């Protein structure tokens, strides 16, 4: 989907363009690369969802499951228009959906523009219900004879909204898009199994619970892990030779697969850790195998292991806790300035946890995977690596003072070194 500004001078269109949260768009640059399902994985589940969407009966879906089971990846396979959990600004959700619909169906763009011309208070002042009616429902009525169904995904419903907000949003979308004068549009919600979300979901929504225990999921994680290890072995001929020697051993692979259980995020973190730049692959694998697991899918143990292998675990934990405490995510360059004393540790930490930290190199940096955010906040999970809010805020305050001091020093040096603002005067006898 093209994000380029539409070729129009319409000031009215600028209103909706400026109201869009582009981090919540389906193919947003801030979420590259997309976490799509690997080929030949989640086959039965994807087929089941496709069958529901093809029924053309406006059935909506809730993908319900614990963090790390792959809800977002599955939803993206079926999605056409997306509002992702990175779009934290609730006020932007309807304009973001309307904008994507207008790009996909240019016929409705003028209807959206007319709605804003008729009522300039729609953005940002009117309610979600009013915005939905004027910017989405009425324009979509011109597509009522479209046969091909499409889907809108509201990802991480439990992370973005309170119970009251979630209930209002779910009701608004499911009721408004059910009208007989509209094309076939399905809504796919994803959420962890939170009680307030379950209570907000109408009984008419088809719920699919994703578990880490069923055989299909476990086999899919094994397939992902095996394919990723084989790829790593192939692209490192200096380490494994050409043709590459077998690696890892069957016993080692079975141990890694058991540790991963049914969590795709676990397998992704394992591969990221093993193949990290500047490290010996086999040594990193041995580090993971060294600590025995009595249960599978113990993501907390993996997070603690990765933190423990750093040269300065405390610095990593302080920065991670501080990033969570920031009022808004900062771009990487600003974080590097803020954490100047720990800049190298910051870069290493972002690399080590890249599967669960959003960082495209240019945009904002945030801990977006719920499993890692919950791990850092809960002392029973992070254990010796827990940094409470008080110490995180203290560290942030010290970093801010250090930044201000450095900026003052730079300005002072600039004044001292700059040429005199007054012209030199020479006397001629």
Protein backbone atom coordinates (compact mmCIF):
# COMPACT_ATOMS: atom_id res chain seq x y z
CA UNK A 1 0.00 0.00 0.00
CA UNK A 2 1.43 3.35 -1.03
CA UNK A 3 1.92 5.91 1.73
CA UNK A 4 2.82 8.71 -0.62
CA UNK A 5 0.76 11.82 -0.23
CA UNK A 6 -2.13 11.66 -2.72
CA UNK A 7 -1.63 13.81 -5.80
CA UNK A 8 -4.18 16.41 -4.82
CA UNK A 9 -4.04 19.95 -3.49
CA UNK A 10 -7.13 19.36 -1.43
CA UNK A 11 -6.65 20.84 2.03
CA UNK A 12 -9.54 18.72 3.18
CA UNK A 13 -7.71 15.50 2.35
CA UNK A 14 -4.77 16.80 4.35
CA UNK A 15 -7.00 16.70 7.42
CA UNK A 16 -7.37 12.94 7.28
CA UNK A 17 -3.78 12.46 6.11
CA UNK A 18 -2.53 14.33 9.18
CA UNK A 19 -4.83 12.35 11.48
CA UNK A 20 -3.45 8.97 10.38
CA UNK A 21 -1.07 7.04 12.62
CA UNK A 22 1.17 5.47 9.98
CA UNK A 23 2.73 3.04 12.44
CA UNK A 24 -0.67 1.33 12.48
CA UNK A 25 -0.87 0.80 8.72
CA UNK A 26 -0.84 -2.72 7.27
CA UNK A 27 2.56 -2.44 5.54
CA UNK A 28 4.02 0.31 7.70
CA UNK A 29 7.76 0.85 7.38
CA UNK A 30 8.01 0.88 11.17
CA UNK A 31 7.07 -2.81 11.23
CA UNK A 32 9.37 -4.10 8.52
CA UNK A 33 10.03 -6.91 7.97
CA UNK A 34 6.53 -8.28 8.55
CA UNK A 35 6.25 -11.32 10.77
CA UNK A 36 4.40 -13.43 8.23
CA UNK A 37 3.89 -17.16 8.77
CA UNK A 38 6.62 -19.30 7.28
CA UNK A 39 5.59 -21.48 4.36
CA UNK A 40 4.00 -24.80 5.39
CA UNK A 41 3.32 -23.61 8.94
CA UNK A 42 -0.08 -22.95 10.58
CA UNK A 43 -1.63 -24.59 7.49
CA UNK A 44 -4.78 -25.96 9.12
CA UNK A 45 -5.38 -22.77 11.10
CA UNK A 46 -4.94 -20.50 8.10
CA UNK A 47 -7.24 -22.72 6.07
CA UNK A 48 -9.89 -22.52 8.79
CA UNK A 49 -9.71 -18.72 8.87
CA UNK A 50 -9.86 -18.50 5.07
CA UNK A 51 -12.97 -20.67 5.04
CA UNK A 52 -14.65 -18.35 7.55
CA UNK A 53 -13.79 -15.26 5.51
CA UNK A 54 -14.95 -16.87 2.26
CA UNK A 55 -18.41 -17.61 3.67
CA UNK A 56 -19.43 -13.99 3.02
CA UNK A 57 -21.64 -13.95 6.08
CA UNK A 58 -19.80 -11.11 7.86
CA UNK A 59 -18.50 -13.41 10.59
CA UNK A 60 -15.90 -11.66 12.75
CA UNK A 61 -13.01 -13.46 14.44
CA UNK A 62 -11.13 -13.23 17.75
CA UNK A 63 -7.66 -14.80 17.75
CA UNK A 64 -7.11 -15.42 21.42
CA UNK A 65 -3.84 -16.69 22.87
CA UNK A 66 -0.86 -16.04 25.08
CA UNK A 67 1.97 -13.74 24.01
CA UNK A 68 4.33 -15.36 21.54
CA UNK A 69 1.99 -17.90 19.91
CA UNK A 70 1.90 -15.98 16.61
CA UNK A 71 -1.44 -14.14 16.67
CA UNK A 72 -0.17 -11.13 14.72
CA UNK A 73 1.55 -13.24 12.06
CA UNK A 74 -1.61 -15.26 11.47
CA UNK A 75 -3.80 -12.14 11.35
CA UNK A 76 -1.54 -10.47 8.80
CA UNK A 77 -2.04 -13.39 6.43
CA UNK A 78 -5.73 -12.55 6.11
CA UNK A 79 -5.61 -8.82 6.54
CA UNK A 80 -6.26 -6.04 4.05
CA UNK A 81 -6.54 -2.97 6.29
CA UNK A 82 -4.72 -2.88 9.53
CA UNK A 83 -4.70 -1.02 12.79
CA UNK A 84 -1.77 -2.31 14.74
CA UNK A 85 -0.92 -2.10 18.42
CA UNK A 86 1.81 0.40 17.58
CA UNK A 87 -0.96 2.87 16.81
CA UNK A 88 -1.35 3.72 20.45
CA UNK A 89 -3.31 6.90 19.80
CA UNK A 90 -6.93 5.81 20.09
CA UNK A 91 -8.11 8.97 18.32
CA UNK A 92 -6.34 7.82 15.15
CA UNK A 93 -7.93 4.43 14.71
CA UNK A 94 -10.93 5.40 12.52
CA UNK A 95 -9.01 7.90 10.34
CA UNK A 96 -6.28 5.27 9.87
CA UNK A 97 -8.81 2.69 8.65
CA UNK A 98 -10.59 5.24 6.43
CA UNK A 99 -7.30 6.34 4.87
CA UNK A 100 -6.34 2.77 3.95
CA UNK A 101 -9.78 2.09 2.48
CA UNK A 102 -9.47 5.22 0.34
CA UNK A 103 -6.09 4.12 -0.99
CA UNK A 104 -7.40 0.64 -1.79
CA UNK A 105 -10.68 1.88 -3.29
CA UNK A 106 -10.09 5.32 -4.90
CA UNK A 107 -13.81 5.54 -5.68
CA UNK A 108 -14.63 6.30 -2.05
CA UNK A 109 -11.99 8.96 -1.50
CA UNK A 110 -14.17 11.79 -2.76
CA UNK A 111 -16.98 10.64 -0.45
CA UNK A 112 -14.60 10.91 2.49
CA UNK A 113 -13.50 14.38 1.35
CA UNK A 114 -17.13 15.51 1.01
CA UNK A 115 -17.90 14.27 4.52
CA UNK A 116 -15.08 16.43 5.89
CA UNK A 117 -16.17 19.40 3.81
CA UNK A 118 -19.68 19.08 5.21
CA UNK A 119 -18.47 18.77 8.79
CA UNK A 120 -14.95 20.00 9.50
CA UNK A 121 -15.32 19.02 13.17
CA UNK A 122 -15.23 15.30 12.30
CA UNK A 123 -11.46 15.37 12.79
CA UNK A 124 -10.46 15.34 15.48
CA UNK A 125 -13.43 16.45 17.52
CA UNK A 126 -16.27 14.02 16.82
CA UNK A 127 -16.78 10.63 18.45
CA UNK A 128 -15.56 7.35 16.98
CA UNK A 129 -19.19 6.53 16.13
CA UNK A 130 -19.64 9.73 14.12
CA UNK A 131 -16.29 9.28 12.37
CA UNK A 132 -17.11 5.66 11.58
CA UNK A 133 -20.46 6.57 10.07
CA UNK A 134 -19.24 9.46 7.92
CA UNK A 135 -15.70 8.37 6.97
CA UNK A 136 -16.15 4.60 6.65
CA UNK A 137 -19.74 3.36 6.47
CA UNK A 138 -21.31 5.88 4.08
CA UNK A 139 -18.36 5.84 1.66
CA UNK A 140 -18.33 2.02 1.66
CA UNK A 141 -21.96 1.91 0.56
CA UNK A 142 -20.80 2.76 -2.96
CA UNK A 143 -18.98 -0.62 -2.96
CA UNK A 144 -22.02 -2.64 -1.89
CA UNK A 145 -21.84 -4.90 -4.95
CA UNK A 146 -18.20 -5.85 -4.42
CA UNK A 147 -18.08 -9.65 -4.08
CA UNK A 148 -14.55 -10.19 -2.79
CA UNK A 149 -14.43 -10.02 1.02
CA UNK A 150 -11.76 -8.13 2.91
CA UNK A 151 -10.63 -7.95 6.52
CA UNK A 152 -9.74 -5.26 9.03
CA UNK A 153 -7.42 -6.38 11.82
CA UNK A 154 -7.39 -4.78 15.25
CA UNK A 155 -4.24 -6.22 16.77
CA UNK A 156 -3.45 -6.50 20.48
CA UNK A 157 -6.83 -5.26 21.64
CA UNK A 158 -5.88 -5.98 25.25
CA UNK A 159 -2.74 -3.81 25.08
CA UNK A 160 -4.24 -0.69 23.51
CA UNK A 161 -7.54 -0.15 25.23
CA UNK A 162 -9.17 -0.27 28.64
CA UNK A 163 -12.08 -2.66 29.13
CA UNK A 164 -14.60 0.12 28.47
CA UNK A 165 -12.76 1.37 25.38
CA UNK A 166 -12.35 -2.16 24.03
CA UNK A 167 -16.04 -2.92 24.51
CA UNK A 168 -17.09 0.29 22.73
CA UNK A 169 -14.69 -0.28 19.83
CA UNK A 170 -15.66 -3.92 19.33
CA UNK A 171 -19.37 -3.08 19.40
CA UNK A 172 -18.87 -0.13 17.06
CA UNK A 173 -16.96 -2.10 14.43
CA UNK A 174 -19.00 -5.29 14.52
CA UNK A 175 -22.35 -3.48 14.45
CA UNK A 176 -21.46 -0.79 11.92
CA UNK A 177 -19.88 -3.17 9.39
CA UNK A 178 -22.76 -5.64 9.55
CA UNK A 179 -25.11 -3.50 7.46
CA UNK A 180 -26.63 -5.18 4.37
CA UNK A 181 -25.77 -2.17 2.18
CA UNK A 182 -22.03 -2.70 2.67
CA UNK A 183 -19.51 -4.99 0.96
CA UNK A 184 -18.37 -8.09 2.84
CA UNK A 185 -15.95 -6.87 5.51
CA UNK A 186 -14.76 -9.01 8.38
CA UNK A 187 -13.02 -7.77 11.53
CA UNK A 188 -10.26 -9.87 13.07
CA UNK A 189 -9.34 -9.01 16.65
CA UNK A 190 -6.25 -10.39 18.38
CA UNK A 191 -5.78 -10.46 22.13
CA UNK A 192 -4.27 -12.31 24.99
CA UNK A 193 -6.86 -14.23 27.07
CA UNK A 194 -7.74 -11.29 29.33
CA UNK A 195 -11.05 -11.41 31.18
CA UNK A 196 -12.06 -7.85 30.29
CA UNK A 197 -11.54 -8.55 26.58
CA UNK A 198 -13.50 -11.80 26.68
CA UNK A 199 -16.33 -9.89 28.35
CA UNK A 200 -16.23 -7.20 25.65
CA UNK A 201 -16.46 -9.62 22.71
CA UNK A 202 -20.05 -10.36 21.51
CA UNK A 203 -21.10 -14.00 21.35
CA UNK A 204 -21.51 -13.66 17.58
CA UNK A 205 -17.73 -13.29 17.16
CA UNK A 206 -16.05 -16.58 16.24
CA UNK A 207 -13.31 -17.21 18.82
CA UNK A 208 -10.18 -19.21 17.94
CA UNK A 209 -7.95 -20.00 20.90
CA UNK A 210 -4.27 -20.43 20.04
CA UNK A 211 -2.44 -22.67 22.46
CA UNK A 212 1.19 -23.73 22.83
CA UNK A 213 0.20 -27.29 23.66
CA UNK A 214 -1.47 -28.65 20.55
CA UNK A 215 0.58 -30.90 18.29
CA UNK A 216 0.19 -28.77 15.14
CA UNK A 217 1.65 -25.67 16.83
CA UNK A 218 4.53 -27.60 18.37
CA UNK A 219 5.37 -29.20 15.01
CA UNK A 220 5.20 -25.82 13.27
CA UNK A 221 7.64 -24.31 15.77
CA UNK A 222 9.96 -27.29 15.21
CA UNK A 223 9.72 -26.74 11.45
CA UNK A 224 10.53 -23.04 11.84
CA UNK A 225 13.46 -23.81 14.13
CA UNK A 226 14.86 -26.52 11.84
CA UNK A 227 14.58 -24.36 8.71
CA UNK A 228 16.18 -21.38 10.46
CA UNK A 229 19.09 -23.46 11.78
CA UNK A 230 19.65 -25.02 8.34
CA UNK A 231 19.70 -21.57 6.74
CA UNK A 232 22.18 -20.31 9.34
CA UNK A 233 24.41 -23.33 8.73
CA UNK A 234 24.33 -22.81 4.96
CA UNK A 235 25.22 -19.11 5.00
CA UNK A 236 28.28 -19.63 7.24
CA UNK A 237 30.62 -21.81 5.14
CA UNK A 238 33.67 -20.56 7.07
CA UNK A 239 32.24 -22.08 10.25
CA UNK A 240 30.51 -25.20 8.91
CA UNK A 241 32.40 -25.90 5.68
CA UNK A 242 31.15 -26.48 2.16
CA UNK A 243 29.07 -28.56 1.97
CA UNK A 244 28.16 -27.72 5.56
CA UNK A 245 28.62 -30.29 8.28
CA UNK A 246 25.52 -31.40 10.25
CA UNK A 247 24.59 -28.91 12.97
CA UNK A 248 23.22 -29.02 15.58
CA UNK A 249 23.16 -32.65 16.64
CA UNK A 250 19.79 -34.35 16.94
CA UNK A 251 20.04 -34.31 20.74
CA UNK A 252 20.86 -30.60 20.73
CA UNK A 253 18.02 -29.84 18.32
CA UNK A 254 15.52 -31.80 20.40
CA UNK A 255 16.60 -29.86 23.48
CA UNK A 256 16.13 -26.52 21.72
CA UNK A 257 12.76 -27.64 20.33
CA UNK A 258 11.63 -28.74 23.80
CA UNK A 259 12.67 -25.40 25.26
CA UNK A 260 10.74 -23.54 22.55
CA UNK A 261 7.59 -25.57 23.14
CA UNK A 262 4.83 -23.95 21.08
CA UNK A 263 6.16 -20.38 21.23
CA UNK A 264 7.27 -18.92 17.92
CA UNK A 265 8.74 -15.91 19.71
CA UNK A 266 11.00 -18.28 21.68
CA UNK A 267 12.30 -19.87 18.49
CA UNK A 268 12.83 -16.43 16.90
CA UNK A 269 14.76 -15.22 19.96
CA UNK A 270 16.91 -18.36 19.93
CA UNK A 271 17.87 -17.83 16.29
CA UNK A 272 18.56 -14.15 16.83
CA UNK A 273 20.79 -14.93 19.82
CA UNK A 274 22.73 -17.73 18.13
CA UNK A 275 23.38 -15.82 14.90
CA UNK A 276 24.18 -12.46 16.53
CA UNK A 277 27.03 -10.61 14.84
CA UNK A 278 30.47 -10.85 16.42
CA UNK A 279 29.79 -14.14 18.21
CA UNK A 280 30.65 -17.78 17.59
CA UNK A 281 27.45 -19.60 16.64
CA UNK A 282 28.26 -22.90 18.32
CA UNK A 283 29.35 -21.20 21.54
CA UNK A 284 26.11 -19.23 21.67
CA UNK A 285 24.13 -22.42 21.13
CA UNK A 286 26.03 -24.12 23.96
CA UNK A 287 25.18 -21.21 26.25
CA UNK A 288 21.48 -21.78 25.62
CA UNK A 289 21.77 -25.53 26.18
CA UNK A 290 23.78 -25.17 29.38
CA UNK A 291 20.78 -24.26 31.55
CA UNK A 292 18.33 -27.13 31.78
CA UNK A 293 14.57 -26.63 31.46
CA UNK A 294 11.95 -28.69 33.24
CA UNK A 295 9.14 -27.18 31.17
CA UNK A 296 8.90 -26.10 27.56
CA UNK A 297 8.12 -22.58 26.33
CA UNK A 298 9.87 -20.97 29.32
CA UNK A 299 10.43 -17.60 27.67
CA UNK A 300 11.40 -15.98 30.98
CA UNK A 301 14.39 -18.29 31.35
CA UNK A 302 15.51 -17.40 27.82
CA UNK A 303 15.23 -13.66 28.47
CA UNK A 304 17.29 -14.03 31.68
CA UNK A 305 19.92 -16.06 29.82
CA UNK A 306 20.29 -13.45 27.10
CA UNK A 307 20.59 -10.61 29.62
CA UNK A 308 23.10 -12.66 31.63
CA UNK A 309 25.43 -13.10 28.65
CA UNK A 310 25.94 -9.35 28.23
CA UNK A 311 29.05 -7.68 29.61
CA UNK A 312 26.93 -5.29 31.67
CA UNK A 313 23.54 -6.84 32.53
CA UNK A 314 22.66 -3.97 34.87
CA UNK A 315 23.10 -1.39 32.12
CA UNK A 316 20.86 -3.43 29.82
CA UNK A 317 18.15 -3.73 32.44
CA UNK A 318 18.25 -0.05 33.39
CA UNK A 319 17.82 1.01 29.78
CA UNK A 320 15.06 -1.52 29.10
CA UNK A 321 13.13 -0.42 32.19
CA UNK A 322 13.64 3.23 31.26
CA UNK A 323 12.40 2.74 27.69
CA UNK A 324 9.16 1.37 29.13
CA UNK A 325 8.83 4.39 31.43
CA UNK A 326 9.17 6.97 28.66
CA UNK A 327 5.96 8.88 27.97
CA UNK A 328 6.47 8.33 24.24
CA UNK A 329 8.93 6.18 22.30
CA UNK A 330 12.06 8.02 21.17
CA UNK A 331 13.95 7.65 17.88
CA UNK A 332 17.16 5.66 18.06
CA UNK A 333 19.38 8.75 17.64
CA UNK A 334 17.71 10.46 20.62
CA UNK A 335 18.02 7.32 22.77
CA UNK A 336 21.73 7.18 21.94
CA UNK A 337 22.08 10.77 23.09
CA UNK A 338 20.05 10.11 26.24
CA UNK A 339 21.98 6.95 27.16
CA UNK A 340 25.31 8.40 26.04
CA UNK A 341 27.34 6.74 28.82
CA UNK A 342 25.84 3.34 27.93
CA UNK A 343 25.63 3.86 24.16
CA UNK A 344 27.53 0.67 23.26
CA UNK A 345 25.42 -1.36 25.68
CA UNK A 346 22.29 0.14 24.09
CA UNK A 347 23.31 -1.00 20.61
CA UNK A 348 24.15 -4.50 21.86
CA UNK A 349 20.88 -4.72 23.78
CA UNK A 350 18.79 -3.67 20.77
CA UNK A 351 20.51 -6.31 18.65
CA UNK A 352 20.07 -9.05 21.24
CA UNK A 353 16.35 -8.39 21.66
CA UNK A 354 15.50 -7.31 18.10
CA UNK A 355 12.65 -9.88 17.71
CA UNK A 356 10.74 -8.19 20.55
CA UNK A 357 11.90 -4.55 20.24
CA UNK A 358 10.68 -2.31 17.46
CA UNK A 359 13.65 -0.52 15.92
CA UNK A 360 13.87 0.27 12.20
CA UNK A 361 17.04 2.31 12.59
CA UNK A 362 15.35 5.61 11.82
CA UNK A 363 12.03 5.60 13.65
CA UNK A 364 11.13 5.17 17.27
CA UNK A 365 12.34 2.40 19.56
CA UNK A 366 9.84 0.59 21.75
CA UNK A 367 9.38 -2.75 23.45
CA UNK A 368 6.37 -3.96 21.54
CA UNK A 369 6.13 -7.66 22.39
CA UNK A 370 3.91 -8.21 25.40
CA UNK A 371 5.90 -11.19 26.69
CA UNK A 372 9.07 -9.11 27.07
CA UNK A 373 7.32 -6.04 28.49
CA UNK A 374 5.52 -8.16 31.09
CA UNK A 375 8.78 -9.95 31.93
CA UNK A 376 10.55 -6.66 32.66
CA UNK A 377 7.72 -5.30 34.80
CA UNK A 378 7.22 -8.42 36.94
CA UNK A 379 9.93 -9.06 39.59
CA UNK A 380 8.81 -12.69 39.91
CA UNK A 381 9.65 -13.20 36.23
CA UNK A 382 12.74 -11.06 35.71
CA UNK A 383 14.09 -11.95 39.19
CA UNK A 384 17.65 -10.61 39.69
CA UNK A 385 17.31 -8.45 36.59
CA UNK A 386 14.24 -6.54 37.74
CA UNK A 387 14.47 -2.73 37.85
CA UNK A 388 11.54 -1.11 39.64
CA UNK A 389 9.91 2.14 38.55
CA UNK A 390 11.71 4.20 41.18
CA UNK A 391 15.17 3.14 40.05
CA UNK A 392 14.23 3.42 36.37
CA UNK A 393 13.00 6.98 36.91
CA UNK A 394 16.14 7.81 38.89
CA UNK A 395 18.30 6.52 36.04
CA UNK A 396 16.27 8.50 33.50
CA UNK A 397 16.63 11.66 35.58
CA UNK A 398 20.40 11.22 35.77
CA UNK A 399 20.58 10.65 32.01
CA UNK A 400 18.54 13.79 31.39
CA UNK A 401 20.75 15.89 33.66
CA UNK A 402 23.83 14.49 31.96
CA UNK A 403 22.36 15.36 28.56
CA UNK A 404 21.57 18.93 29.65
CA UNK A 405 25.07 19.34 31.06
CA UNK A 406 26.65 18.08 27.84
CA UNK A 407 24.50 20.43 25.75
CA UNK A 408 25.42 23.40 27.94
CA UNK A 409 29.09 22.47 27.62
CA UNK A 410 28.81 22.28 23.82
CA UNK A 411 27.13 25.68 23.67
CA UNK A 412 29.76 27.20 25.95
CA UNK A 413 32.61 25.86 23.80
CA UNK A 414 30.87 27.16 20.68
CA UNK A 415 30.70 30.66 22.16
CA UNK A 416 34.37 30.58 23.23
CA UNK A 417 35.59 29.30 19.86
CA UNK A 418 33.37 31.43 17.63
CA UNK A 419 34.92 34.56 16.05
CA UNK A 420 34.06 37.89 17.59
CA UNK A 421 30.75 39.26 16.34
CA UNK A 422 32.35 42.73 16.15
CA UNK A 423 34.48 43.80 13.18
CA UNK A 424 38.16 44.32 13.88
CA UNK A 425 39.23 47.96 13.85
CA UNK A 426 42.72 49.01 12.91
CA UNK A 427 44.19 52.46 13.25
CA UNK A 428 45.97 53.96 10.32
CA UNK A 429 48.42 56.62 11.17
